[in-house]
């Protein structure tokens, strides 16, 4: 089994639109530090990226794996630490 087979995937194309982001956020909050998930969509999920950055600033890394036109796939990884590495205490 390859590492990509161990990464959770949520294919929102099969989920009703009002349920998509809540399900994704549920999966995000369950990710351990360093954990990763993939999202597949029928459109550019850029608004989701903005929502994640607003709710969880600097906690996740976003990488496009495929950019349409029929399917968009992104990888979302939780950073290993939840705060900055400076001396401010965050």
Protein backbone atom coordinates (compact mmCIF):
# COMPACT_ATOMS: atom_id res chain seq x y z
CA UNK A 1 0.00 0.00 0.00
CA UNK A 2 1.44 3.40 -0.95
CA UNK A 3 1.38 6.45 1.29
CA UNK A 4 -1.26 8.11 -0.92
CA UNK A 5 -3.64 5.23 -0.14
CA UNK A 6 -3.37 6.10 3.56
CA UNK A 7 -4.36 9.74 3.05
CA UNK A 8 -8.05 10.41 3.72
CA UNK A 9 -9.94 11.67 0.67
CA UNK A 10 -13.22 13.54 0.67
CA UNK A 11 -14.83 13.77 -2.76
CA UNK A 12 -17.29 16.62 -2.38
CA UNK A 13 -18.76 15.96 -5.82
CA UNK A 14 -20.90 13.30 -4.12
CA UNK A 15 -21.98 15.52 -1.19
CA UNK A 16 -24.82 18.06 -1.14
CA UNK A 17 -23.37 21.60 -1.33
CA UNK A 18 -24.57 22.75 2.14
CA UNK A 19 -22.82 19.76 3.74
CA UNK A 20 -19.46 20.06 1.97
CA UNK A 21 -17.55 22.61 4.03
CA UNK A 22 -18.83 21.37 7.42
CA UNK A 23 -17.62 17.85 6.57
CA UNK A 24 -14.25 19.14 5.41
CA UNK A 25 -13.82 21.23 8.56
CA UNK A 26 -14.70 18.16 10.65
CA UNK A 27 -11.94 16.20 8.94
CA UNK A 28 -9.48 19.08 9.32
CA UNK A 29 -9.99 19.37 13.06
CA UNK A 30 -9.43 15.62 13.40
CA UNK A 31 -6.05 15.75 11.62
CA UNK A 32 -3.07 15.16 13.87
CA UNK A 33 -0.06 17.49 13.55
CA UNK A 34 1.67 16.56 10.30
CA UNK A 35 -1.50 14.82 9.08
CA UNK A 36 -2.80 15.27 5.56
CA UNK A 37 -6.06 14.91 3.66
CA UNK A 38 -7.10 15.27 0.02
CA UNK A 39 -10.19 17.01 -1.35
CA UNK A 40 -11.69 16.40 -4.81
CA UNK A 41 -14.15 18.90 -6.27
CA UNK A 42 -15.84 19.81 -9.55
CA UNK A 43 -14.69 23.44 -9.25
CA UNK A 44 -11.73 25.41 -7.95
CA UNK A 45 -11.99 25.16 -4.14
CA UNK A 46 -10.24 28.51 -3.62
CA UNK A 47 -13.10 29.87 -1.40
CA UNK A 48 -12.54 26.88 0.90
CA UNK A 49 -8.85 27.76 1.06
CA UNK A 50 -9.73 31.30 2.16
CA UNK A 51 -12.12 29.97 4.82
CA UNK A 52 -9.46 27.63 6.19
CA UNK A 53 -6.92 30.45 6.37
CA UNK A 54 -9.46 32.66 8.16
CA UNK A 55 -10.54 30.02 10.71
CA UNK A 56 -7.15 28.39 11.21
CA UNK A 57 -4.47 30.95 10.32
CA UNK A 58 -1.12 29.39 9.40
CA UNK A 59 -2.16 25.94 10.66
CA UNK A 60 -2.54 24.22 7.27
CA UNK A 61 -0.60 23.96 4.03
CA UNK A 62 -2.63 23.92 0.78
CA UNK A 63 -1.28 22.31 -2.40
CA UNK A 64 -3.09 21.88 -5.70
CA UNK A 65 -2.67 18.35 -7.08
CA UNK A 66 -4.95 18.81 -10.11
CA UNK A 67 -6.49 22.02 -11.46
CA UNK A 68 -9.50 21.17 -13.59
CA UNK A 69 -11.24 21.61 -15.79
CA UNK A 70 -13.37 18.59 -14.77
CA UNK A 71 -11.76 17.73 -11.43
CA UNK A 72 -9.85 19.81 -8.92
CA UNK A 73 -7.79 18.03 -6.26
CA UNK A 74 -5.99 19.59 -3.33
CA UNK A 75 -3.84 18.31 -0.52
CA UNK A 76 -4.28 19.92 2.89
CA UNK A 77 -1.63 19.28 5.54
CA UNK A 78 -1.73 20.32 9.19
CA UNK A 79 1.54 21.92 10.24
CA UNK A 80 3.56 20.03 12.82
CA UNK A 81 3.10 22.79 15.41
CA UNK A 82 0.06 24.97 15.98
CA UNK A 83 1.92 28.18 16.76
CA UNK A 84 4.75 30.22 15.41
CA UNK A 85 8.36 29.41 16.21
CA UNK A 86 9.19 32.84 17.58
CA UNK A 87 9.38 33.99 21.19
CA UNK A 88 5.90 35.62 21.27
CA UNK A 89 4.27 32.64 22.97
CA UNK A 90 1.71 31.78 20.25
